[in-house]
Protein backbone atom coordinates (compact mmCIF):
# COMPACT_ATOMS: atom_id res chain seq x y z
CA MET A 1 120.32 114.26 121.74
CA ARG A 2 121.60 116.02 124.88
CA TYR A 3 123.84 113.14 125.79
CA LEU A 4 125.25 113.10 122.26
CA LEU A 5 126.20 116.78 122.56
CA ILE A 6 127.79 116.19 125.91
CA MET A 7 129.92 113.44 124.50
CA ILE A 8 130.98 115.70 121.70
CA LEU A 9 131.87 118.43 124.11
CA PHE A 10 133.77 116.42 126.73
CA PHE A 11 135.75 113.97 124.66
CA PRO A 12 138.59 114.65 122.08
CA VAL A 13 137.24 117.33 119.73
CA THR A 14 138.29 119.07 116.57
CA ALA A 15 140.20 122.40 116.60
CA TRP A 16 139.99 125.31 114.35
CA SER A 17 142.96 127.32 113.00
CA VAL A 18 142.49 130.71 111.41
CA ASP A 19 143.52 132.59 108.32
CA PRO A 20 141.31 135.75 108.61
CA SER A 21 142.54 137.06 105.21
CA GLN A 22 140.64 134.33 103.40
CA PRO A 23 137.03 133.58 102.93
CA GLN A 24 135.90 130.99 105.36
CA GLY A 25 135.18 127.46 104.06
CA SER A 26 136.42 125.83 100.89
CA ALA A 27 135.52 126.49 97.29
CA SER A 28 133.60 123.20 97.19
CA GLU A 29 131.65 124.23 100.26
CA ALA A 30 129.01 126.36 98.41
CA ARG A 31 126.49 128.15 100.57
CA ILE A 32 122.91 127.54 99.54
CA TRP A 33 119.93 129.28 101.07
CA LYS A 34 116.43 128.09 100.60
CA PRO A 35 113.93 130.54 99.00
CA LEU A 36 111.74 132.25 101.59
CA ALA A 37 108.68 130.48 100.26
CA ALA A 38 110.35 127.06 100.93
CA ASP A 39 112.20 127.75 104.22
CA GLY A 40 109.42 126.55 106.51
CA LEU A 41 109.31 129.94 108.26
CA HIS A 42 107.50 132.17 105.82
CA ASP A 43 103.91 131.68 104.50
CA PRO A 44 104.30 130.87 100.82
CA GLY A 45 100.77 132.10 100.21
CA ASN A 46 101.44 135.56 101.56
CA PRO A 47 101.39 137.97 98.60
CA ALA A 48 103.78 140.32 100.39
CA LEU A 49 106.50 137.71 100.30
CA VAL A 50 107.71 139.10 96.91
CA GLU A 51 108.61 142.37 98.72
CA LEU A 52 111.27 140.63 100.82
CA GLN A 53 114.85 140.09 99.64
CA GLN A 54 115.80 136.53 99.13
CA PRO A 55 118.68 135.33 101.50
CA GLY A 56 120.75 134.07 98.59
CA GLU A 57 120.76 137.65 97.27
CA ALA A 58 121.15 139.37 100.52
CA MET A 59 123.91 137.33 101.99
CA ALA A 60 125.94 136.02 99.08
CA MET A 61 128.72 138.67 99.42
CA PHE A 62 128.97 138.51 103.28
CA PRO A 63 132.07 136.88 104.92
CA LYS A 64 131.51 133.15 104.86
CA ASP A 65 130.93 130.71 107.67
CA PHE A 66 130.78 127.00 107.12
CA ALA A 67 127.76 125.84 105.08
CA THR A 68 126.54 123.70 107.99
CA ILE A 69 126.44 126.49 110.54
CA GLY A 70 123.42 128.69 111.10
CA ASN A 71 122.76 131.15 108.29
CA GLN A 72 126.35 130.54 106.99
CA VAL A 73 127.53 134.17 107.63
CA ASP A 74 130.43 135.17 109.85
CA TRP A 75 128.60 138.10 111.44
CA VAL A 76 131.52 139.21 113.68
CA ARG A 77 133.84 139.59 110.65
CA ALA A 78 131.03 141.28 108.67
CA LEU A 79 130.83 143.87 111.41
CA GLU A 80 134.63 144.37 111.71
CA GLN A 81 135.03 144.72 107.91
CA GLY A 82 132.25 147.23 107.65
CA VAL A 83 130.11 145.06 105.41
CA ILE A 84 127.26 145.81 107.81
CA VAL A 85 126.91 148.96 109.92
CA PRO A 86 124.09 148.28 112.45
CA ARG A 87 122.53 151.21 114.27
CA THR A 88 124.01 151.59 117.70
CA ASN A 89 121.03 153.28 119.38
CA ILE A 90 117.64 154.66 118.78
CA PHE A 91 117.58 157.51 121.36
CA PRO A 92 120.46 160.08 121.13
CA ASP A 93 121.01 160.09 124.90
CA THR A 94 121.62 156.32 125.02
CA ARG A 95 125.17 155.65 126.29
CA ILE A 96 127.04 153.13 124.15
CA GLU A 97 129.93 151.12 125.61
CA VAL A 98 132.04 148.75 123.54
CA LEU A 99 134.24 146.89 126.07
CA ASP A 100 137.52 145.54 124.65
CA LEU A 101 138.24 143.11 127.54
CA ASP A 102 138.89 139.34 127.43
CA ILE A 103 138.07 136.92 130.22
CA ILE A 104 139.92 133.68 130.49
CA MET A 105 137.93 130.97 132.16
CA ASP A 106 140.09 128.12 133.41
CA GLN A 107 137.54 125.81 135.02
CA THR A 108 137.10 123.66 131.90
CA SER A 109 138.37 120.30 133.09
CA GLN A 110 140.62 118.76 130.38
CA MET A 111 139.31 120.99 127.60
CA PRO A 112 141.32 124.08 126.48
CA MET A 113 140.31 127.19 128.47
CA VAL A 114 137.56 129.52 127.31
CA ARG A 115 138.48 133.02 126.11
CA PHE A 116 135.40 135.24 126.28
CA PRO A 117 135.87 138.37 124.23
CA HIS A 118 133.62 141.22 125.45
CA LYS A 119 134.29 143.37 122.29
CA ALA A 120 132.63 140.88 119.95
CA HIS A 121 129.60 140.80 122.18
CA THR A 122 129.27 144.46 123.19
CA GLN A 123 129.49 145.53 119.53
CA TRP A 124 126.02 143.84 119.21
CA LEU A 125 124.59 144.02 122.68
CA ASP A 126 124.22 146.48 125.56
CA CYS A 127 125.68 145.33 128.78
CA VAL A 128 122.29 145.02 130.48
CA ASN A 129 121.36 142.13 128.14
CA CYS A 130 123.73 139.92 130.21
CA HIS A 131 124.47 141.76 133.49
CA ASP A 132 123.42 140.98 136.03
CA LYS A 133 120.53 138.76 135.32
CA ILE A 134 122.42 136.13 133.25
CA PHE A 135 125.98 136.80 134.46
CA LYS A 136 127.07 138.40 137.71
CA LYS A 137 129.90 140.95 137.35
CA LYS A 138 132.01 139.09 139.86
CA ALA A 139 134.93 136.75 139.37
CA GLY A 140 133.88 133.23 140.30
CA GLY A 141 130.30 134.36 140.80
CA ASN A 142 128.78 132.32 137.89
CA PRO A 143 128.73 128.51 138.19
CA VAL A 144 128.94 128.08 134.43
CA ASN A 145 129.08 124.46 133.18
CA MET A 146 128.14 122.67 129.98
CA PHE A 147 125.04 121.03 131.43
CA ALA A 148 123.59 124.48 132.26
CA ILE A 149 124.66 125.87 128.86
CA LEU A 150 123.13 122.94 126.99
CA SER A 151 119.91 123.57 128.99
CA GLY A 152 119.74 127.15 127.67
CA GLU A 153 121.41 128.99 130.57
CA TYR A 154 124.39 131.34 130.52
CA CYS A 155 126.00 131.20 127.04
CA GLY A 156 123.22 128.90 125.92
CA ARG A 157 120.71 131.83 126.02
CA CYS A 158 122.08 132.85 122.64
CA HIS A 159 124.55 130.20 121.35
CA GLY A 160 122.54 127.47 119.65
CA ALA A 161 119.69 129.94 119.12
CA VAL A 162 120.72 133.23 117.52
CA ALA A 163 124.47 132.71 117.69
CA PHE A 164 126.76 129.90 116.45
CA PRO A 165 125.87 126.45 117.80
CA LEU A 166 127.37 124.75 120.85
CA THR A 167 128.93 122.05 118.67
CA GLU A 168 131.63 124.57 117.58
CA CYS A 169 133.67 123.70 120.65
CA ARG A 170 136.94 125.50 119.77
CA ARG A 171 135.39 128.81 119.05
CA CYS A 172 134.99 129.19 122.86
CA HIS A 173 137.59 126.73 124.07
CA SER A 174 140.29 128.53 122.24
CA GLN A 175 143.04 129.02 124.80
CA ALA A 176 145.63 126.25 125.31
CA ARG A 177 146.78 125.89 128.88
CA ARG A 178 150.44 125.11 127.93
CA THR A 179 150.87 128.37 126.03
CA PHE A 180 148.90 130.67 128.29
CA VAL A 181 150.95 133.24 130.22
CA GLY A 182 149.51 135.42 133.01
CA GLN A 183 146.59 135.26 135.36
CA TYR A 184 143.17 133.75 134.72
CA GLY A 185 140.14 136.00 134.73
CA ALA A 186 140.04 139.49 133.23
CA GLN A 187 143.07 140.26 131.04
CA GLU A 188 145.09 143.47 131.05
CA GLY A 189 145.13 145.67 127.96
CA PRO A 190 142.97 145.32 124.82
CA GLY A 191 141.61 141.93 123.90
CA LYS A 192 142.97 139.76 121.17
CA PRO A 193 141.43 140.03 117.67
CA PHE A 194 138.32 137.90 117.44
CA LYS A 195 139.23 135.90 114.38
CA PRO A 196 136.97 133.56 112.38
CA VAL A 197 137.54 129.82 112.22
CA MET A 198 138.80 128.22 109.04
CA LYS A 199 139.82 124.58 109.00
CA GLN A 200 139.73 121.53 111.20
CA GLU A 201 142.72 120.03 113.05
CA ILE A 202 142.91 117.20 115.58
CA ILE A 203 143.87 118.20 119.11
CA GLY A 204 144.53 116.28 122.28
CA LEU A 205 142.82 116.71 125.63
CA ASN A 206 145.91 118.41 127.12
CA GLU A 207 145.99 121.34 124.67
């Protein structure tokens, strides 16, 4: 399975273009959630199961992600649109920092470069979740590669587990070399809007 994923990630892949004003996915791509009693995670014999809200009821009005991806909800867009308003902290003296800073990673061989948006991550996570145990806060200080990520390191700590799967290549490899202007690494000024994916297009390796 690992070798299949590596082939998907290193050979010509599909790209995703964006229309953030429209719900994600097509009308024929209906989202279907299994009832809790049949999802393989909950005990169907537990009498308290009836107290839980069914996912089809809870998530039906959330911004759509593709029906084949995770729980089929675009959680970043749900947050930006105010559909969900998660609690930022438990203790009043906790310092909250949302960092609007993009990092362009250029060491991606023939794949498009990776744009890492801090904002979409720090709206959910405190900085200490990643720094400095998973990522060192130093340019070039992290030997990130797909083999390590597929093994559950670096980005693979979350993506493929609680975040969108690693088969969604162009969600990370989103910056074409031929159109990029500026220096690699941390970008000046606010980050670009973190837009959802919408439809599939074919790209070449030199994008």
